[in-house]
Amino acid sequence: MFSLAAFEREYETEKQPITIAGRKFEFYTPRTLDPFIPSSGSISEFPLWAKIWQGAVVLADYFARMPVPENAGRLLEIGAGIGVVGVVAAARGDS
């Protein structure tokens, strides 16, 4: 099971505060990506999950401002990064 405390012991992290549609969120991200990039330096091995991408912030903000449909179904967010869009969607009540 994932443990934030264990993650913080193994890697240096920092809080990234983000405000989306007036609501404040905090995400923990690695302070540096160096431990996650292989020595070969291959761009195909870049740790996409360890970064907050600006496009995700823009999409999350746009999505958070949309009215929640009355008969909303499930939402599938496919992307890269730390999960900003999915967290914002869950915070507004989407499943």
PDB file of N, CA and C in Angstrom:
ATOM      1  N   MET A   1       0.836  -1.177   0.000  1.00  0.00           N
ATOM      2  CA  MET A   1       0.000   0.000   0.000  1.00  0.00           C
ATOM      3  C   MET A   1       0.888   1.249   0.000  1.00  0.00           C
ATOM      4  N   PHE A   2       0.485   2.262  -0.742  1.00  0.00           N
ATOM      5  CA  PHE A   2       1.254   3.497  -0.836  1.00  0.00           C
ATOM      6  C   PHE A   2       1.221   4.235   0.492  1.00  0.00           C
ATOM      7  N   SER A   3       2.355   4.771   0.880  1.00  0.00           N
ATOM      8  CA  SER A   3       2.461   5.571   2.101  1.00  0.00           C
ATOM      9  C   SER A   3       3.165   6.872   1.759  1.00  0.00           C
ATOM     10  N   LEU A   4       2.502   7.990   2.013  1.00  0.00           N
ATOM     11  CA  LEU A   4       3.115   9.287   1.752  1.00  0.00           C
ATOM     12  C   LEU A   4       4.359   9.471   2.615  1.00  0.00           C
ATOM     13  N   ALA A   5       4.304   9.013   3.848  1.00  0.00           N
ATOM     14  CA  ALA A   5       5.461   9.135   4.742  1.00  0.00           C
ATOM     15  C   ALA A   5       6.666   8.370   4.194  1.00  0.00           C
ATOM     16  N   ALA A   6       6.426   7.150   3.682  1.00  0.00           N
ATOM     17  CA  ALA A   6       7.525   6.360   3.107  1.00  0.00           C
ATOM     18  C   ALA A   6       8.066   7.036   1.847  1.00  0.00           C
ATOM     19  N   PHE A   7       7.177   7.574   1.025  1.00  0.00           N
ATOM     20  CA  PHE A   7       7.602   8.276  -0.185  1.00  0.00           C
ATOM     21  C   PHE A   7       8.480   9.470   0.177  1.00  0.00           C
ATOM     22  N   GLU A   8       8.060  10.233   1.206  1.00  0.00           N
ATOM     23  CA  GLU A   8       8.842  11.401   1.623  1.00  0.00           C
ATOM     24  C   GLU A   8      10.189  11.012   2.218  1.00  0.00           C
ATOM     25  N   ARG A   9      10.268   9.827   2.855  1.00  0.00           N
ATOM     26  CA  ARG A   9      11.551   9.371   3.388  1.00  0.00           C
ATOM     27  C   ARG A   9      12.506   8.988   2.262  1.00  0.00           C
ATOM     28  N   GLU A  10      11.967   8.412   1.208  1.00  0.00           N
ATOM     29  CA  GLU A  10      12.810   7.938   0.110  1.00  0.00           C
ATOM     30  C   GLU A  10      13.183   9.046  -0.872  1.00  0.00           C
ATOM     31  N   TYR A  11      12.275   9.993  -1.083  1.00  0.00           N
ATOM     32  CA  TYR A  11      12.508  11.064  -2.061  1.00  0.00           C
ATOM     33  C   TYR A  11      12.251  12.418  -1.413  1.00  0.00           C
ATOM     34  N   GLU A  12      12.962  13.410  -1.864  1.00  0.00           N
ATOM     35  CA  GLU A  12      12.689  14.770  -1.411  1.00  0.00           C
ATOM     36  C   GLU A  12      11.460  15.258  -2.158  1.00  0.00           C
ATOM     37  N   THR A  13      10.471  15.741  -1.416  1.00  0.00           N
ATOM     38  CA  THR A  13       9.241  16.218  -2.050  1.00  0.00           C
ATOM     39  C   THR A  13       9.001  17.676  -1.688  1.00  0.00           C
ATOM     40  N   GLU A  14       8.102  18.264  -2.431  1.00  0.00           N
ATOM     41  CA  GLU A  14       7.668  19.616  -2.114  1.00  0.00           C
ATOM     42  C   GLU A  14       6.183  19.730  -2.424  1.00  0.00           C
ATOM     43  N   LYS A  15       5.503  20.591  -1.687  1.00  0.00           N
ATOM     44  CA  LYS A  15       4.086  20.835  -1.939  1.00  0.00           C
ATOM     45  C   LYS A  15       3.953  21.836  -3.073  1.00  0.00           C
ATOM     46  N   GLN A  16       3.055  21.534  -3.979  1.00  0.00           N
ATOM     47  CA  GLN A  16       2.763  22.435  -5.083  1.00  0.00           C
ATOM     48  C   GLN A  16       1.325  22.924  -4.901  1.00  0.00           C
ATOM     49  N   PRO A  17       1.140  24.148  -4.411  1.00  0.00           N
ATOM     50  CA  PRO A  17      -0.228  24.658  -4.275  1.00  0.00           C
ATOM     51  C   PRO A  17      -0.766  25.123  -5.627  1.00  0.00           C
ATOM     52  N   ILE A  18      -1.999  24.783  -5.902  1.00  0.00           N
ATOM     53  CA  ILE A  18      -2.644  25.185  -7.151  1.00  0.00           C
ATOM     54  C   ILE A  18      -4.065  25.619  -6.813  1.00  0.00           C
ATOM     55  N   THR A  19      -4.515  26.699  -7.411  1.00  0.00           N
ATOM     56  CA  THR A  19      -5.900  27.128  -7.254  1.00  0.00           C
ATOM     57  C   THR A  19      -6.614  26.893  -8.572  1.00  0.00           C
ATOM     58  N   ILE A  20      -7.674  26.116  -8.500  1.00  0.00           N
ATOM     59  CA  ILE A  20      -8.478  25.783  -9.680  1.00  0.00           C
ATOM     60  C   ILE A  20      -9.887  26.289  -9.430  1.00  0.00           C
ATOM     61  N   ALA A  21     -10.355  27.201 -10.262  1.00  0.00           N
ATOM     62  CA  ALA A  21     -11.700  27.764 -10.165  1.00  0.00           C
ATOM     63  C   ALA A  21     -11.993  28.228  -8.735  1.00  0.00           C
ATOM     64  N   GLY A  22     -11.010  28.870  -8.106  1.00  0.00           N
ATOM     65  CA  GLY A  22     -11.180  29.420  -6.772  1.00  0.00           C
ATOM     66  C   GLY A  22     -11.005  28.430  -5.628  1.00  0.00           C
ATOM     67  N   ARG A  23     -10.755  27.167  -5.932  1.00  0.00           N
ATOM     68  CA  ARG A  23     -10.571  26.153  -4.891  1.00  0.00           C
ATOM     69  C   ARG A  23      -9.094  25.782  -4.801  1.00  0.00           C
ATOM     70  N   LYS A  24      -8.585  25.708  -3.575  1.00  0.00           N
ATOM     71  CA  LYS A  24      -7.160  25.431  -3.386  1.00  0.00           C
ATOM     72  C   LYS A  24      -6.900  23.932  -3.254  1.00  0.00           C
ATOM     73  N   PHE A  25      -5.862  23.484  -3.933  1.00  0.00           N
ATOM     74  CA  PHE A  25      -5.401  22.100  -3.888  1.00  0.00           C
ATOM     75  C   PHE A  25      -3.907  22.116  -3.595  1.00  0.00           C
ATOM     76  N   GLU A  26      -3.406  21.042  -2.984  1.00  0.00           N
ATOM     77  CA  GLU A  26      -1.970  20.869  -2.793  1.00  0.00           C
ATOM     78  C   GLU A  26      -1.576  19.493  -3.296  1.00  0.00           C
ATOM     79  N   PHE A  27      -0.535  19.468  -4.101  1.00  0.00           N
ATOM     80  CA  PHE A  27      -0.015  18.216  -4.642  1.00  0.00           C
ATOM     81  C   PHE A  27       1.425  18.071  -4.188  1.00  0.00           C
ATOM     82  N   TYR A  28       1.811  16.861  -3.839  1.00  0.00           N
ATOM     83  CA  TYR A  28       3.205  16.580  -3.514  1.00  0.00           C
ATOM     84  C   TYR A  28       3.897  16.118  -4.786  1.00  0.00           C
ATOM     85  N   THR A  29       5.019  16.730  -5.076  1.00  0.00           N
ATOM     86  CA  THR A  29       5.808  16.350  -6.247  1.00  0.00           C
ATOM     87  C   THR A  29       7.253  16.140  -5.821  1.00  0.00           C
ATOM     88  N   PRO A  30       7.998  15.341  -6.575  1.00  0.00           N
ATOM     89  CA  PRO A  30       9.428  15.210  -6.269  1.00  0.00           C
ATOM     90  C   PRO A  30      10.120  16.559  -6.458  1.00  0.00           C
ATOM     91  N   ARG A  31      11.037  16.882  -5.553  1.00  0.00           N
ATOM     92  CA  ARG A  31      11.785  18.144  -5.657  1.00  0.00           C
ATOM     93  C   ARG A  31      12.655  18.146  -6.921  1.00  0.00           C
ATOM     94  N   THR A  32      13.167  16.981  -7.270  1.00  0.00           N
ATOM     95  CA  THR A  32      13.969  16.842  -8.490  1.00  0.00           C
ATOM     96  C   THR A  32      13.569  15.545  -9.190  1.00  0.00           C
ATOM     97  N   LEU A  33      13.673  15.545 -10.484  1.00  0.00           N
ATOM     98  CA  LEU A  33      13.324  14.352 -11.258  1.00  0.00           C
ATOM     99  C   LEU A  33      14.532  13.446 -11.499  1.00  0.00           C
ATOM    100  N   ASP A  34      15.705  13.872 -11.083  1.00  0.00           N
ATOM    101  CA  ASP A  34      16.940  13.121 -11.338  1.00  0.00           C
ATOM    102  C   ASP A  34      16.869  11.641 -10.954  1.00  0.00           C
ATOM    103  N   PRO A  35      16.338  11.269  -9.774  1.00  0.00           N
ATOM    104  CA  PRO A  35      16.315   9.842  -9.413  1.00  0.00           C
ATOM    105  C   PRO A  35      15.420   8.993 -10.321  1.00  0.00           C
ATOM    106  N   PHE A  36      14.542   9.635 -11.086  1.00  0.00           N
ATOM    107  CA  PHE A  36      13.592   8.908 -11.913  1.00  0.00           C
ATOM    108  C   PHE A  36      14.005   8.820 -13.381  1.00  0.00           C
ATOM    109  N   ILE A  37      15.066   9.508 -13.751  1.00  0.00           N
ATOM    110  CA  ILE A  37      15.533   9.505 -15.139  1.00  0.00           C
ATOM    111  C   ILE A  37      16.711   8.550 -15.245  1.00  0.00           C
ATOM    112  N   PRO A  38      16.621   7.558 -16.138  1.00  0.00           N
ATOM    113  CA  PRO A  38      17.710   6.583 -16.261  1.00  0.00           C
ATOM    114  C   PRO A  38      18.997   7.239 -16.754  1.00  0.00           C
ATOM    115  N   SER A  39      20.101   6.611 -16.437  1.00  0.00           N
ATOM    116  CA  SER A  39      21.411   7.168 -16.804  1.00  0.00           C
ATOM    117  C   SER A  39      21.591   7.281 -18.317  1.00  0.00           C
ATOM    118  N   SER A  40      20.834   6.498 -19.091  1.00  0.00           N
ATOM    119  CA  SER A  40      20.942   6.590 -20.549  1.00  0.00           C
ATOM    120  C   SER A  40      20.435   7.933 -21.062  1.00  0.00           C
ATOM    121  N   GLY A  41      19.616   8.613 -20.239  1.00  0.00           N
ATOM    122  CA  GLY A  41      19.111   9.926 -20.639  1.00  0.00           C
ATOM    123  C   GLY A  41      18.037   9.862 -21.700  1.00  0.00           C
ATOM    124  N   SER A  42      17.469   8.690 -21.924  1.00  0.00           N
ATOM    125  CA  SER A  42      16.453   8.532 -22.958  1.00  0.00           C
ATOM    126  C   SER A  42      15.194   9.311 -22.608  1.00  0.00           C
ATOM    127  N   ILE A  43      14.738  10.132 -23.536  1.00  0.00           N
ATOM    128  CA  ILE A  43      13.534  10.926 -23.315  1.00  0.00           C
ATOM    129  C   ILE A  43      12.299  10.026 -23.191  1.00  0.00           C
ATOM    130  N   SER A  44      12.366   8.828 -23.759  1.00  0.00           N
ATOM    131  CA  SER A  44      11.227   7.911 -23.672  1.00  0.00           C
ATOM    132  C   SER A  44      11.023   7.398 -22.250  1.00  0.00           C
ATOM    133  N   GLU A  45      12.012   7.575 -21.388  1.00  0.00           N
ATOM    134  CA  GLU A  45      11.916   7.133 -19.998  1.00  0.00           C
ATOM    135  C   GLU A  45      11.580   8.282 -19.047  1.00  0.00           C
ATOM    136  N   PHE A  46      11.237   9.451 -19.595  1.00  0.00           N
ATOM    137  CA  PHE A  46      10.938  10.604 -18.746  1.00  0.00           C
ATOM    138  C   PHE A  46       9.753  10.290 -17.844  1.00  0.00           C
ATOM    139  N   PRO A  47       9.835  10.585 -16.546  1.00  0.00           N
ATOM    140  CA  PRO A  47       8.759  10.265 -15.602  1.00  0.00           C
ATOM    141  C   PRO A  47       7.583  11.239 -15.715  1.00  0.00           C
ATOM    142  N   LEU A  48       6.712  11.013 -16.675  1.00  0.00           N
ATOM    143  CA  LEU A  48       5.589  11.913 -16.929  1.00  0.00           C
ATOM    144  C   LEU A  48       4.691  12.085 -15.705  1.00  0.00           C
ATOM    145  N   TRP A  49       4.632  11.067 -14.865  1.00  0.00           N
ATOM    146  CA  TRP A  49       3.756  11.083 -13.704  1.00  0.00           C
ATOM    147  C   TRP A  49       4.223  12.039 -12.604  1.00  0.00           C
ATOM    148  N   ALA A  50       5.450  12.492 -12.639  1.00  0.00           N
ATOM    149  CA  ALA A  50       6.041  13.229 -11.527  1.00  0.00           C
ATOM    150  C   ALA A  50       5.984  14.744 -11.700  1.00  0.00           C
ATOM    151  N   LYS A  51       5.232  15.222 -12.650  1.00  0.00           N
ATOM    152  CA  LYS A  51       5.231  16.652 -12.953  1.00  0.00           C
ATOM    153  C   LYS A  51       3.798  17.143 -13.084  1.00  0.00           C
ATOM    154  N   ILE A  52       3.574  18.374 -12.680  1.00  0.00           N
ATOM    155  CA  ILE A  52       2.279  19.016 -12.919  1.00  0.00           C
ATOM    156  C   ILE A  52       2.413  19.771 -14.241  1.00  0.00           C
ATOM    157  N   TRP A  53       1.708  19.304 -15.228  1.00  0.00           N
ATOM    158  CA  TRP A  53       1.790  19.897 -16.559  1.00  0.00           C
ATOM    159  C   TRP A  53       0.829  21.078 -16.647  1.00  0.00           C
ATOM    160  N   GLN A  54       1.275  22.169 -17.243  1.00  0.00           N
ATOM    161  CA  GLN A  54       0.456  23.377 -17.344  1.00  0.00           C
ATOM    162  C   GLN A  54      -0.841  23.102 -18.099  1.00  0.00           C
ATOM    163  N   GLY A  55      -0.789  22.252 -19.100  1.00  0.00           N
ATOM    164  CA  GLY A  55      -2.004  21.911 -19.838  1.00  0.00           C
ATOM    165  C   GLY A  55      -3.049  21.261 -18.947  1.00  0.00           C
ATOM    166  N   ALA A  56      -2.609  20.472 -17.970  1.00  0.00           N
ATOM    167  CA  ALA A  56      -3.543  19.827 -17.039  1.00  0.00           C
ATOM    168  C   ALA A  56      -4.207  20.869 -16.143  1.00  0.00           C
ATOM    169  N   VAL A  57      -3.467  21.888 -15.742  1.00  0.00           N
ATOM    170  CA  VAL A  57      -4.030  22.953 -14.912  1.00  0.00           C
ATOM    171  C   VAL A  57      -5.098  23.711 -15.697  1.00  0.00           C
ATOM    172  N   VAL A  58      -4.809  24.012 -16.946  1.00  0.00           N
ATOM    173  CA  VAL A  58      -5.763  24.724 -17.801  1.00  0.00           C
ATOM    174  C   VAL A  58      -7.014  23.871 -18.019  1.00  0.00           C
ATOM    175  N   LEU A  59      -6.830  22.594 -18.331  1.00  0.00           N
ATOM    176  CA  LEU A  59      -7.967  21.707 -18.559  1.00  0.00           C
ATOM    177  C   LEU A  59      -8.788  21.525 -17.278  1.00  0.00           C
ATOM    178  N   ALA A  60      -8.125  21.362 -16.137  1.00  0.00           N
ATOM    179  CA  ALA A  60      -8.830  21.206 -14.865  1.00  0.00           C
ATOM    180  C   ALA A  60      -9.648  22.455 -14.543  1.00  0.00           C
ATOM    181  N   ASP A  61      -9.086  23.625 -14.779  1.00  0.00           N
ATOM    182  CA  ASP A  61      -9.801  24.869 -14.531  1.00  0.00           C
ATOM    183  C   ASP A  61     -11.027  24.985 -15.437  1.00  0.00           C
ATOM    184  N   TYR A  62     -10.853  24.676 -16.708  1.00  0.00           N
ATOM    185  CA  TYR A  62     -11.970  24.709 -17.654  1.00  0.00           C
ATOM    186  C   TYR A  62     -13.063  23.727 -17.219  1.00  0.00           C
ATOM    187  N   PHE A  63     -12.645  22.530 -16.880  1.00  0.00           N
ATOM    188  CA  PHE A  63     -13.579  21.483 -16.490  1.00  0.00           C
ATOM    189  C   PHE A  63     -14.314  21.854 -15.194  1.00  0.00           C
ATOM    190  N   ALA A  64     -13.605  22.420 -14.221  1.00  0.00           N
ATOM    191  CA  ALA A  64     -14.197  22.774 -12.929  1.00  0.00           C
ATOM    192  C   ALA A  64     -15.260  23.853 -13.055  1.00  0.00           C
ATOM    193  N   ARG A  65     -15.179  24.652 -14.091  1.00  0.00           N
ATOM    194  CA  ARG A  65     -16.146  25.736 -14.291  1.00  0.00           C
ATOM    195  C   ARG A  65     -17.376  25.290 -15.076  1.00  0.00           C
ATOM    196  N   MET A  66     -17.345  24.088 -15.610  1.00  0.00           N
ATOM    197  CA  MET A  66     -18.499  23.565 -16.352  1.00  0.00           C
ATOM    198  C   MET A  66     -19.582  23.129 -15.369  1.00  0.00           C
ATOM    199  N   PRO A  67     -20.848  23.307 -15.716  1.00  0.00           N
ATOM    200  CA  PRO A  67     -21.898  22.801 -14.833  1.00  0.00           C
ATOM    201  C   PRO A  67     -21.876  21.269 -14.814  1.00  0.00           C
ATOM    202  N   VAL A  68     -22.177  20.705 -13.654  1.00  0.00           N
ATOM    203  CA  VAL A  68     -22.219  19.246 -13.530  1.00  0.00           C
ATOM    204  C   VAL A  68     -23.549  18.783 -14.119  1.00  0.00           C
ATOM    205  N   PRO A  69     -23.522  17.930 -15.159  1.00  0.00           N
ATOM    206  CA  PRO A  69     -24.769  17.456 -15.762  1.00  0.00           C
ATOM    207  C   PRO A  69     -25.607  16.678 -14.746  1.00  0.00           C
ATOM    208  N   GLU A  70     -26.927  16.819 -14.845  1.00  0.00           N
ATOM    209  CA  GLU A  70     -27.826  16.148 -13.910  1.00  0.00           C
ATOM    210  C   GLU A  70     -27.701  14.631 -13.977  1.00  0.00           C
ATOM    211  N   ASN A  71     -27.579  14.099 -15.156  1.00  0.00           N
ATOM    212  CA  ASN A  71     -27.456  12.650 -15.341  1.00  0.00           C
ATOM    213  C   ASN A  71     -26.027  12.288 -15.719  1.00  0.00           C
ATOM    214  N   ALA A  72     -25.082  12.848 -14.994  1.00  0.00           N
ATOM    215  CA  ALA A  72     -23.671  12.617 -15.316  1.00  0.00           C
ATOM    216  C   ALA A  72     -23.311  11.152 -15.127  1.00  0.00           C
ATOM    217  N   GLY A  73     -22.577  10.652 -16.073  1.00  0.00           N
ATOM    218  CA  GLY A  73     -22.065   9.286 -15.972  1.00  0.00           C
ATOM    219  C   GLY A  73     -20.682   9.323 -15.352  1.00  0.00           C
ATOM    220  N   ARG A  74     -19.920   8.343 -15.666  1.00  0.00           N
ATOM    221  CA  ARG A  74     -18.549   8.301 -15.164  1.00  0.00           C
ATOM    222  C   ARG A  74     -17.639   9.119 -16.064  1.00  0.00           C
ATOM    223  N   LEU A  75     -16.557   9.555 -15.487  1.00  0.00           N
ATOM    224  CA  LEU A  75     -15.581  10.356 -16.207  1.00  0.00           C
ATOM    225  C   LEU A  75     -14.283   9.581 -16.302  1.00  0.00           C
ATOM    226  N   LEU A  76     -13.729   9.518 -17.485  1.00  0.00           N
ATOM    227  CA  LEU A  76     -12.433   8.873 -17.677  1.00  0.00           C
ATOM    228  C   LEU A  76     -11.455   9.951 -18.129  1.00  0.00           C
ATOM    229  N   GLU A  77     -10.475  10.221 -17.288  1.00  0.00           N
ATOM    230  CA  GLU A  77      -9.452  11.208 -17.619  1.00  0.00           C
ATOM    231  C   GLU A  77      -8.196  10.451 -17.997  1.00  0.00           C
ATOM    232  N   ILE A  78      -7.750  10.640 -19.220  1.00  0.00           N
ATOM    233  CA  ILE A  78      -6.532   9.986 -19.689  1.00  0.00           C
ATOM    234  C   ILE A  78      -5.522  11.082 -19.956  1.00  0.00           C
ATOM    235  N   GLY A  79      -4.424  11.015 -19.269  1.00  0.00           N
ATOM    236  CA  GLY A  79      -3.429  12.053 -19.457  1.00  0.00           C
ATOM    237  C   GLY A  79      -2.121  11.652 -18.839  1.00  0.00           C
ATOM    238  N   ALA A  80      -1.285  12.636 -18.692  1.00  0.00           N
ATOM    239  CA  ALA A  80       0.014  12.416 -18.073  1.00  0.00           C
ATOM    240  C   ALA A  80       0.138  13.392 -16.918  1.00  0.00           C
ATOM    241  N   GLY A  81       0.982  13.074 -16.010  1.00  0.00           N
ATOM    242  CA  GLY A  81       1.206  13.978 -14.898  1.00  0.00           C
ATOM    243  C   GLY A  81       0.737  13.388 -13.593  1.00  0.00           C
ATOM    244  N   ILE A  82       0.517  14.245 -12.660  1.00  0.00           N
ATOM    245  CA  ILE A  82       0.247  13.835 -11.291  1.00  0.00           C
ATOM    246  C   ILE A  82      -1.237  13.597 -11.036  1.00  0.00           C
ATOM    247  N   GLY A  83      -2.101  13.904 -11.983  1.00  0.00           N
ATOM    248  CA  GLY A  83      -3.528  13.614 -11.848  1.00  0.00           C
ATOM    249  C   GLY A  83      -4.371  14.811 -11.471  1.00  0.00           C
ATOM    250  N   VAL A  84      -3.944  16.006 -11.833  1.00  0.00           N
ATOM    251  CA  VAL A  84      -4.659  17.222 -11.461  1.00  0.00           C
ATOM    252  C   VAL A  84      -6.106  17.186 -11.943  1.00  0.00           C
ATOM    253  N   VAL A  85      -6.337  16.833 -13.194  1.00  0.00           N
ATOM    254  CA  VAL A  85      -7.696  16.839 -13.742  1.00  0.00           C
ATOM    255  C   VAL A  85      -8.574  15.835 -13.004  1.00  0.00           C
ATOM    256  N   GLY A  86      -8.065  14.636 -12.758  1.00  0.00           N
ATOM    257  CA  GLY A  86      -8.835  13.630 -12.047  1.00  0.00           C
ATOM    258  C   GLY A  86      -9.154  14.023 -10.619  1.00  0.00           C
ATOM    259  N   VAL A  87      -8.214  14.647  -9.924  1.00  0.00           N
ATOM    260  CA  VAL A  87      -8.450  15.098  -8.548  1.00  0.00           C
ATOM    261  C   VAL A  87      -9.517  16.201  -8.529  1.00  0.00           C
ATOM    262  N   VAL A  88      -9.434  17.144  -9.456  1.00  0.00           N
ATOM    263  CA  VAL A  88     -10.420  18.211  -9.523  1.00  0.00           C
ATOM    264  C   VAL A  88     -11.793  17.633  -9.856  1.00  0.00           C
ATOM    265  N   ALA A  89     -11.848  16.679 -10.761  1.00  0.00           N
ATOM    266  CA  ALA A  89     -13.120  16.057 -11.118  1.00  0.00           C
ATOM    267  C   ALA A  89     -13.726  15.358  -9.906  1.00  0.00           C
ATOM    268  N   ALA A  90     -12.928  14.629  -9.155  1.00  0.00           N
ATOM    269  CA  ALA A  90     -13.415  13.940  -7.961  1.00  0.00           C
ATOM    270  C   ALA A  90     -13.889  14.950  -6.908  1.00  0.00           C
ATOM    271  N   ALA A  91     -13.181  16.063  -6.791  1.00  0.00           N
ATOM    272  CA  ALA A  91     -13.539  17.084  -5.804  1.00  0.00           C
ATOM    273  C   ALA A  91     -14.874  17.734  -6.122  1.00  0.00           C
ATOM    274  N   ARG A  92     -15.239  17.772  -7.399  1.00  0.00           N
ATOM    275  CA  ARG A  92     -16.521  18.380  -7.744  1.00  0.00           C
ATOM    276  C   ARG A  92     -17.646  17.358  -7.788  1.00  0.00           C
ATOM    277  N   GLY A  93     -17.320  16.090  -7.505  1.00  0.00           N
ATOM    278  CA  GLY A  93     -18.365  15.082  -7.368  1.00  0.00           C
ATOM    279  C   GLY A  93     -18.491  14.112  -8.515  1.00  0.00           C
ATOM    280  N   ASP A  94     -17.614  14.203  -9.507  1.00  0.00           N
ATOM    281  CA  ASP A  94     -17.655  13.240 -10.607  1.00  0.00           C
ATOM    282  C   ASP A  94     -17.075  11.913 -10.133  1.00  0.00           C
ATOM    283  N   SER A  95     -17.513  10.854 -10.759  1.00  0.00           N
ATOM    284  CA  SER A  95     -16.956   9.536 -10.404  1.00  0.00           C
ATOM    285  C   SER A  95     -16.368   8.865 -11.629  1.00  0.00           C
TER     286      SER A  95
END
